[in-house]
Amino acid sequence: GKAILKVSDDILRPALCIESTDKADVVKLFHLIYSTLETQIGNSNEPMMNIVARYENCTWTVCLFLRTKHRPSCYFSEGKEHLLISPASVDLGGVFITPLENDFRKITASNIAAILNEISISPVGLQKLIQQIKKRL
C-alpha cells in the first residue's frame, strides 16, 4: 500500500505515526499494528494506546501513543506527591491538562517527563514491536 509508518522515538512520548493519502491503507496498517500488539500482550487484553488523527492537505496522519500503564503513580500518591493526572490523547498530543488549579501550579516539566516515561512503552518495547511489525509486512 501507500501508507508510511514513521517512528518517533526521540521524544518524551514514543509514537507510531501512519501517513497516507489513502484512508484504506491507513486502516490496513493500523490493523496490522493493533494485531501485532494483541499478539504481544495476549488476546485477553486490549492494547493500551491513545490515538490522535488528522486529515490535512489530502493526507491522513494517525499517531498511536503506546502505553504500558493507564495511570501514573502520582495519581495514586498522597500528600505533596499527588497529582490528579491521567494522561489521554490530548495530553499525549502535547497539551497537558490538570483538572485542579493546585496541580496546575505545582506541576513541573520534570513531573510531566516522569509521567510520560512511566506510562509509555519503553524504548526496548518499542524496538521489539517494530521488529515484529516488519516481519508481518
N, C-alpha and C. Protein backbone atom coordinates (compact mmCIF):
# COMPACT_ATOMS: atom_id res chain seq x y z
N GLY A 1 0.80 -1.18 0.00
CA GLY A 1 0.00 0.00 0.00
C GLY A 1 0.85 1.26 0.00
N LYS A 2 0.17 2.35 0.11
CA LYS A 2 0.83 3.66 0.06
C LYS A 2 1.16 4.20 1.44
N ALA A 3 0.74 3.54 2.50
CA ALA A 3 0.94 4.07 3.85
C ALA A 3 2.40 3.99 4.26
N ILE A 4 2.82 5.03 4.99
CA ILE A 4 4.18 5.12 5.53
C ILE A 4 4.06 5.06 7.04
N LEU A 5 4.92 4.27 7.68
CA LEU A 5 4.95 4.20 9.14
C LEU A 5 6.18 4.93 9.62
N LYS A 6 5.96 5.97 10.42
CA LYS A 6 7.06 6.74 10.99
C LYS A 6 7.13 6.44 12.47
N VAL A 7 8.35 6.31 12.97
CA VAL A 7 8.57 6.03 14.38
C VAL A 7 9.16 7.27 15.03
N SER A 8 8.49 7.77 16.06
CA SER A 8 9.00 8.89 16.84
C SER A 8 9.48 8.34 18.17
N ASP A 9 10.78 8.07 18.25
CA ASP A 9 11.31 7.51 19.49
C ASP A 9 12.27 8.47 20.19
N ASP A 10 12.39 9.67 19.68
CA ASP A 10 13.31 10.64 20.26
C ASP A 10 12.58 11.73 21.03
N ILE A 11 11.34 11.49 21.36
CA ILE A 11 10.56 12.47 22.11
C ILE A 11 10.14 11.86 23.44
N LEU A 12 9.54 12.66 24.28
CA LEU A 12 9.11 12.18 25.59
C LEU A 12 8.08 11.07 25.52
N ARG A 13 7.31 11.05 24.45
CA ARG A 13 6.26 10.06 24.33
C ARG A 13 6.41 9.35 22.99
N PRO A 14 6.94 8.13 23.01
CA PRO A 14 7.13 7.39 21.76
C PRO A 14 5.81 7.23 21.01
N ALA A 15 5.88 7.30 19.70
CA ALA A 15 4.67 7.18 18.89
C ALA A 15 4.98 6.49 17.57
N LEU A 16 3.97 5.82 17.06
CA LEU A 16 4.00 5.31 15.69
C LEU A 16 3.00 6.15 14.92
N CYS A 17 3.44 6.75 13.83
CA CYS A 17 2.55 7.59 13.03
C CYS A 17 2.40 7.00 11.63
N ILE A 18 1.16 6.80 11.25
CA ILE A 18 0.83 6.28 9.93
C ILE A 18 0.41 7.45 9.06
N GLU A 19 0.98 7.54 7.85
CA GLU A 19 0.60 8.62 6.92
C GLU A 19 0.28 8.03 5.56
N SER A 20 -0.79 8.55 4.96
CA SER A 20 -1.15 8.15 3.60
C SER A 20 -2.26 9.05 3.07
N THR A 21 -2.30 9.15 1.76
CA THR A 21 -3.43 9.83 1.12
C THR A 21 -4.61 8.87 0.96
N ASP A 22 -4.35 7.58 1.17
CA ASP A 22 -5.38 6.55 1.01
C ASP A 22 -5.83 6.05 2.39
N LYS A 23 -7.05 6.40 2.76
CA LYS A 23 -7.58 6.02 4.08
C LYS A 23 -7.56 4.51 4.28
N ALA A 24 -7.87 3.75 3.24
CA ALA A 24 -7.90 2.29 3.36
C ALA A 24 -6.52 1.74 3.73
N ASP A 25 -5.46 2.34 3.19
CA ASP A 25 -4.10 1.90 3.53
C ASP A 25 -3.77 2.22 4.98
N VAL A 26 -4.25 3.36 5.47
CA VAL A 26 -4.04 3.72 6.88
C VAL A 26 -4.74 2.70 7.77
N VAL A 27 -5.97 2.37 7.44
CA VAL A 27 -6.74 1.41 8.23
C VAL A 27 -6.06 0.04 8.22
N LYS A 28 -5.59 -0.38 7.06
CA LYS A 28 -4.93 -1.69 6.94
C LYS A 28 -3.67 -1.74 7.81
N LEU A 29 -2.85 -0.71 7.77
CA LEU A 29 -1.63 -0.69 8.57
C LEU A 29 -1.96 -0.58 10.06
N PHE A 30 -2.99 0.19 10.40
CA PHE A 30 -3.42 0.27 11.80
C PHE A 30 -3.80 -1.12 12.31
N HIS A 31 -4.58 -1.86 11.54
CA HIS A 31 -5.00 -3.20 11.96
C HIS A 31 -3.80 -4.13 12.12
N LEU A 32 -2.81 -4.01 11.26
CA LEU A 32 -1.60 -4.83 11.38
C LEU A 32 -0.88 -4.51 12.70
N ILE A 33 -0.74 -3.22 13.01
CA ILE A 33 -0.08 -2.80 14.25
C ILE A 33 -0.89 -3.29 15.45
N TYR A 34 -2.20 -3.10 15.40
CA TYR A 34 -3.07 -3.50 16.51
C TYR A 34 -2.98 -5.00 16.76
N SER A 35 -3.05 -5.79 15.70
CA SER A 35 -2.99 -7.25 15.88
C SER A 35 -1.61 -7.68 16.37
N THR A 36 -0.57 -6.97 15.97
CA THR A 36 0.78 -7.27 16.48
C THR A 36 0.84 -6.99 17.98
N LEU A 37 0.26 -5.88 18.40
CA LEU A 37 0.19 -5.56 19.83
C LEU A 37 -0.62 -6.61 20.59
N GLU A 38 -1.74 -7.05 20.01
CA GLU A 38 -2.56 -8.08 20.66
C GLU A 38 -1.75 -9.35 20.87
N THR A 39 -0.95 -9.72 19.87
CA THR A 39 -0.11 -10.91 19.97
C THR A 39 0.92 -10.74 21.08
N GLN A 40 1.46 -9.54 21.19
CA GLN A 40 2.48 -9.25 22.20
C GLN A 40 1.92 -9.38 23.62
N ILE A 41 0.71 -8.89 23.84
CA ILE A 41 0.17 -8.86 25.20
C ILE A 41 -0.79 -10.00 25.50
N GLY A 42 -1.19 -10.73 24.49
CA GLY A 42 -2.19 -11.78 24.68
C GLY A 42 -3.57 -11.23 24.38
N ASN A 43 -4.41 -12.02 23.78
CA ASN A 43 -5.72 -11.55 23.31
C ASN A 43 -6.72 -11.25 24.42
N SER A 44 -6.37 -11.56 25.68
CA SER A 44 -7.33 -11.30 26.76
C SER A 44 -7.40 -9.81 27.11
N ASN A 45 -6.42 -9.05 26.68
CA ASN A 45 -6.39 -7.62 26.98
C ASN A 45 -6.37 -6.79 25.71
N GLU A 46 -6.98 -5.63 25.80
CA GLU A 46 -6.95 -4.68 24.69
C GLU A 46 -5.64 -3.90 24.77
N PRO A 47 -4.92 -3.75 23.67
CA PRO A 47 -3.68 -2.96 23.71
C PRO A 47 -3.95 -1.54 24.19
N MET A 48 -3.09 -1.06 25.08
CA MET A 48 -3.27 0.30 25.60
C MET A 48 -2.59 1.29 24.66
N MET A 49 -3.37 2.25 24.22
CA MET A 49 -2.84 3.29 23.35
C MET A 49 -3.79 4.47 23.34
N ASN A 50 -3.26 5.59 22.95
CA ASN A 50 -4.07 6.76 22.67
C ASN A 50 -3.81 7.12 21.22
N ILE A 51 -4.84 7.61 20.55
CA ILE A 51 -4.75 7.89 19.12
C ILE A 51 -5.11 9.35 18.86
N VAL A 52 -4.27 9.99 18.07
CA VAL A 52 -4.54 11.35 17.59
C VAL A 52 -4.47 11.28 16.07
N ALA A 53 -5.52 11.74 15.41
CA ALA A 53 -5.56 11.67 13.94
C ALA A 53 -5.93 13.02 13.36
N ARG A 54 -5.46 13.23 12.13
CA ARG A 54 -5.84 14.45 11.41
C ARG A 54 -5.86 14.15 9.92
N TYR A 55 -6.63 14.97 9.21
CA TYR A 55 -6.68 14.91 7.76
C TYR A 55 -6.39 16.31 7.26
N GLU A 56 -5.28 16.46 6.56
CA GLU A 56 -4.86 17.78 6.10
C GLU A 56 -4.13 17.63 4.78
N ASN A 57 -4.40 18.53 3.85
CA ASN A 57 -3.77 18.50 2.53
C ASN A 57 -3.89 17.13 1.87
N CYS A 58 -5.08 16.56 1.95
CA CYS A 58 -5.39 15.25 1.34
C CYS A 58 -4.57 14.11 1.92
N THR A 59 -4.04 14.28 3.13
CA THR A 59 -3.23 13.24 3.77
C THR A 59 -3.77 12.92 5.16
N TRP A 60 -3.91 11.62 5.41
CA TRP A 60 -4.28 11.13 6.73
C TRP A 60 -3.02 10.94 7.56
N THR A 61 -3.04 11.39 8.80
CA THR A 61 -1.96 11.13 9.75
C THR A 61 -2.60 10.60 11.02
N VAL A 62 -2.21 9.40 11.42
CA VAL A 62 -2.74 8.77 12.62
C VAL A 62 -1.56 8.40 13.51
N CYS A 63 -1.49 9.04 14.68
CA CYS A 63 -0.40 8.78 15.62
C CYS A 63 -0.90 7.92 16.77
N LEU A 64 -0.18 6.84 17.02
CA LEU A 64 -0.51 5.91 18.09
C LEU A 64 0.50 6.09 19.21
N PHE A 65 0.03 6.50 20.37
CA PHE A 65 0.88 6.63 21.55
C PHE A 65 0.69 5.37 22.38
N LEU A 66 1.68 4.51 22.38
CA LEU A 66 1.58 3.20 23.01
C LEU A 66 1.89 3.30 24.49
N ARG A 67 1.09 2.61 25.29
CA ARG A 67 1.20 2.73 26.75
C ARG A 67 1.46 1.38 27.40
N THR A 68 2.02 1.46 28.60
CA THR A 68 2.17 0.27 29.44
C THR A 68 1.35 0.39 30.72
N LYS A 69 0.91 1.62 31.02
CA LYS A 69 0.11 1.86 32.21
C LYS A 69 -1.02 2.83 31.87
N HIS A 70 -2.15 2.64 32.57
CA HIS A 70 -3.28 3.56 32.38
C HIS A 70 -3.05 4.87 33.12
N ARG A 71 -2.57 4.77 34.37
CA ARG A 71 -2.36 5.97 35.18
C ARG A 71 -0.97 5.95 35.81
N PRO A 72 -0.37 7.12 35.96
CA PRO A 72 0.95 7.19 36.61
C PRO A 72 0.81 7.05 38.13
N SER A 73 1.90 6.71 38.78
CA SER A 73 1.88 6.50 40.23
C SER A 73 1.48 7.76 41.00
N CYS A 74 1.79 8.95 40.48
CA CYS A 74 1.43 10.19 41.19
C CYS A 74 -0.08 10.34 41.33
N TYR A 75 -0.84 9.70 40.46
CA TYR A 75 -2.30 9.75 40.53
C TYR A 75 -2.79 9.11 41.83
N PHE A 76 -2.08 8.07 42.27
CA PHE A 76 -2.47 7.32 43.46
C PHE A 76 -1.73 7.77 44.72
N SER A 77 -0.71 8.60 44.55
CA SER A 77 0.08 9.07 45.69
C SER A 77 -0.74 10.00 46.57
N GLU A 78 -0.24 10.18 47.78
CA GLU A 78 -0.90 11.10 48.71
C GLU A 78 0.06 12.21 49.07
N GLY A 79 -0.48 13.28 49.60
CA GLY A 79 0.34 14.40 50.05
C GLY A 79 0.93 15.18 48.88
N LYS A 80 2.15 15.67 49.07
CA LYS A 80 2.80 16.53 48.08
C LYS A 80 3.05 15.83 46.74
N GLU A 81 3.16 14.51 46.78
CA GLU A 81 3.45 13.74 45.56
C GLU A 81 2.21 13.55 44.67
N HIS A 82 1.02 13.78 45.23
CA HIS A 82 -0.21 13.53 44.48
C HIS A 82 -0.42 14.58 43.38
N LEU A 83 -0.70 14.08 42.18
CA LEU A 83 -1.13 14.92 41.05
C LEU A 83 -2.30 14.20 40.39
N LEU A 84 -3.41 14.89 40.24
CA LEU A 84 -4.58 14.31 39.60
C LEU A 84 -4.38 14.40 38.09
N ILE A 85 -3.57 13.46 37.59
CA ILE A 85 -3.21 13.42 36.17
C ILE A 85 -3.47 12.01 35.65
N SER A 86 -4.24 11.91 34.60
CA SER A 86 -4.47 10.64 33.93
C SER A 86 -4.39 10.91 32.43
N PRO A 87 -3.17 10.93 31.89
CA PRO A 87 -2.97 11.36 30.50
C PRO A 87 -3.83 10.61 29.50
N ALA A 88 -4.39 11.38 28.59
CA ALA A 88 -5.19 10.83 27.49
C ALA A 88 -4.65 11.39 26.17
N SER A 89 -5.41 11.26 25.12
CA SER A 89 -4.93 11.66 23.78
C SER A 89 -4.49 13.11 23.71
N VAL A 90 -5.25 14.00 24.32
CA VAL A 90 -4.90 15.43 24.27
C VAL A 90 -3.55 15.66 24.94
N ASP A 91 -3.35 15.04 26.11
CA ASP A 91 -2.10 15.20 26.84
C ASP A 91 -0.93 14.64 26.03
N LEU A 92 -1.11 13.43 25.51
CA LEU A 92 -0.04 12.82 24.73
C LEU A 92 0.19 13.55 23.41
N GLY A 93 -0.82 14.26 22.95
CA GLY A 93 -0.68 15.10 21.77
C GLY A 93 0.04 16.41 22.03
N GLY A 94 0.28 16.72 23.31
CA GLY A 94 1.08 17.90 23.64
C GLY A 94 0.44 18.95 24.53
N VAL A 95 -0.83 18.76 24.91
CA VAL A 95 -1.50 19.73 25.78
C VAL A 95 -1.85 19.02 27.09
N PHE A 96 -1.02 19.21 28.11
CA PHE A 96 -1.22 18.53 29.39
C PHE A 96 -2.30 19.24 30.19
N ILE A 97 -3.29 18.48 30.63
CA ILE A 97 -4.43 19.05 31.34
C ILE A 97 -4.38 18.65 32.81
N THR A 98 -4.55 19.64 33.68
CA THR A 98 -4.67 19.38 35.11
C THR A 98 -6.04 19.88 35.55
N PRO A 99 -6.91 18.98 36.01
CA PRO A 99 -8.25 19.40 36.40
C PRO A 99 -8.28 20.30 37.64
N LEU A 100 -7.23 20.21 38.46
CA LEU A 100 -7.19 21.01 39.69
C LEU A 100 -6.18 22.15 39.56
N GLU A 101 -6.60 23.36 39.93
CA GLU A 101 -5.71 24.52 39.85
C GLU A 101 -4.43 24.30 40.66
N ASN A 102 -4.55 23.68 41.82
CA ASN A 102 -3.38 23.43 42.66
C ASN A 102 -2.34 22.58 41.91
N ASP A 103 -2.81 21.56 41.19
CA ASP A 103 -1.89 20.72 40.41
C ASP A 103 -1.27 21.51 39.27
N PHE A 104 -2.05 22.39 38.66
CA PHE A 104 -1.54 23.24 37.58
C PHE A 104 -0.38 24.09 38.09
N ARG A 105 -0.53 24.61 39.29
CA ARG A 105 0.50 25.49 39.85
C ARG A 105 1.75 24.73 40.30
N LYS A 106 1.60 23.47 40.69
CA LYS A 106 2.77 22.75 41.22
C LYS A 106 3.45 21.82 40.21
N ILE A 107 2.78 21.44 39.14
CA ILE A 107 3.39 20.50 38.19
C ILE A 107 4.57 21.17 37.49
N THR A 108 5.61 20.36 37.24
CA THR A 108 6.82 20.87 36.58
C THR A 108 7.08 20.08 35.30
N ALA A 109 7.97 20.60 34.49
CA ALA A 109 8.38 19.88 33.28
C ALA A 109 8.96 18.52 33.65
N SER A 110 9.67 18.47 34.75
CA SER A 110 10.24 17.21 35.23
C SER A 110 9.14 16.21 35.59
N ASN A 111 8.06 16.69 36.25
CA ASN A 111 6.92 15.81 36.56
C ASN A 111 6.31 15.24 35.28
N ILE A 112 6.11 16.11 34.30
CA ILE A 112 5.50 15.67 33.04
C ILE A 112 6.37 14.64 32.34
N ALA A 113 7.68 14.89 32.29
CA ALA A 113 8.60 13.93 31.67
C ALA A 113 8.54 12.58 32.39
N ALA A 114 8.51 12.61 33.72
CA ALA A 114 8.46 11.37 34.50
C ALA A 114 7.15 10.62 34.26
N ILE A 115 6.04 11.36 34.21
CA ILE A 115 4.73 10.75 33.96
C ILE A 115 4.71 10.08 32.58
N LEU A 116 5.16 10.80 31.57
CA LEU A 116 5.16 10.24 30.21
C LEU A 116 6.07 9.03 30.11
N ASN A 117 7.22 9.09 30.76
CA ASN A 117 8.15 7.96 30.77
C ASN A 117 7.52 6.75 31.46
N GLU A 118 6.80 7.00 32.53
CA GLU A 118 6.20 5.91 33.31
C GLU A 118 5.08 5.19 32.56
N ILE A 119 4.26 5.93 31.83
CA ILE A 119 3.09 5.31 31.20
C ILE A 119 3.34 4.83 29.77
N SER A 120 4.41 5.30 29.14
CA SER A 120 4.65 4.99 27.73
C SER A 120 5.46 3.72 27.56
N ILE A 121 5.33 3.13 26.38
CA ILE A 121 6.12 1.95 26.04
C ILE A 121 7.60 2.31 26.16
N SER A 122 8.39 1.36 26.61
CA SER A 122 9.83 1.60 26.76
C SER A 122 10.51 1.59 25.40
N PRO A 123 11.70 2.18 25.30
CA PRO A 123 12.44 2.11 24.03
C PRO A 123 12.68 0.67 23.58
N VAL A 124 12.98 -0.22 24.52
CA VAL A 124 13.19 -1.63 24.18
C VAL A 124 11.89 -2.26 23.68
N GLY A 125 10.79 -1.98 24.37
CA GLY A 125 9.50 -2.50 23.94
C GLY A 125 9.09 -1.99 22.57
N LEU A 126 9.39 -0.72 22.31
CA LEU A 126 9.07 -0.13 21.00
C LEU A 126 9.88 -0.80 19.90
N GLN A 127 11.17 -1.00 20.13
CA GLN A 127 12.02 -1.65 19.12
C GLN A 127 11.57 -3.08 18.86
N LYS A 128 11.19 -3.79 19.91
CA LYS A 128 10.68 -5.16 19.76
C LYS A 128 9.41 -5.16 18.90
N LEU A 129 8.52 -4.22 19.18
CA LEU A 129 7.28 -4.11 18.40
C LEU A 129 7.58 -3.80 16.94
N ILE A 130 8.49 -2.89 16.69
CA ILE A 130 8.84 -2.52 15.31
C ILE A 130 9.38 -3.73 14.56
N GLN A 131 10.22 -4.52 15.22
CA GLN A 131 10.75 -5.72 14.57
C GLN A 131 9.62 -6.70 14.23
N GLN A 132 8.66 -6.85 15.13
CA GLN A 132 7.53 -7.75 14.87
C GLN A 132 6.66 -7.23 13.73
N ILE A 133 6.47 -5.92 13.68
CA ILE A 133 5.69 -5.32 12.58
C ILE A 133 6.39 -5.56 11.25
N LYS A 134 7.71 -5.35 11.21
CA LYS A 134 8.47 -5.56 9.97
C LYS A 134 8.33 -6.99 9.46
N LYS A 135 8.31 -7.95 10.36
CA LYS A 135 8.17 -9.36 9.97
C LYS A 135 6.81 -9.63 9.33
N ARG A 136 5.80 -8.84 9.72
CA ARG A 136 4.44 -9.08 9.24
C ARG A 136 4.10 -8.28 7.99
N LEU A 137 4.97 -7.37 7.59
CA LEU A 137 4.69 -6.56 6.40
C LEU A 137 4.88 -7.35 5.12
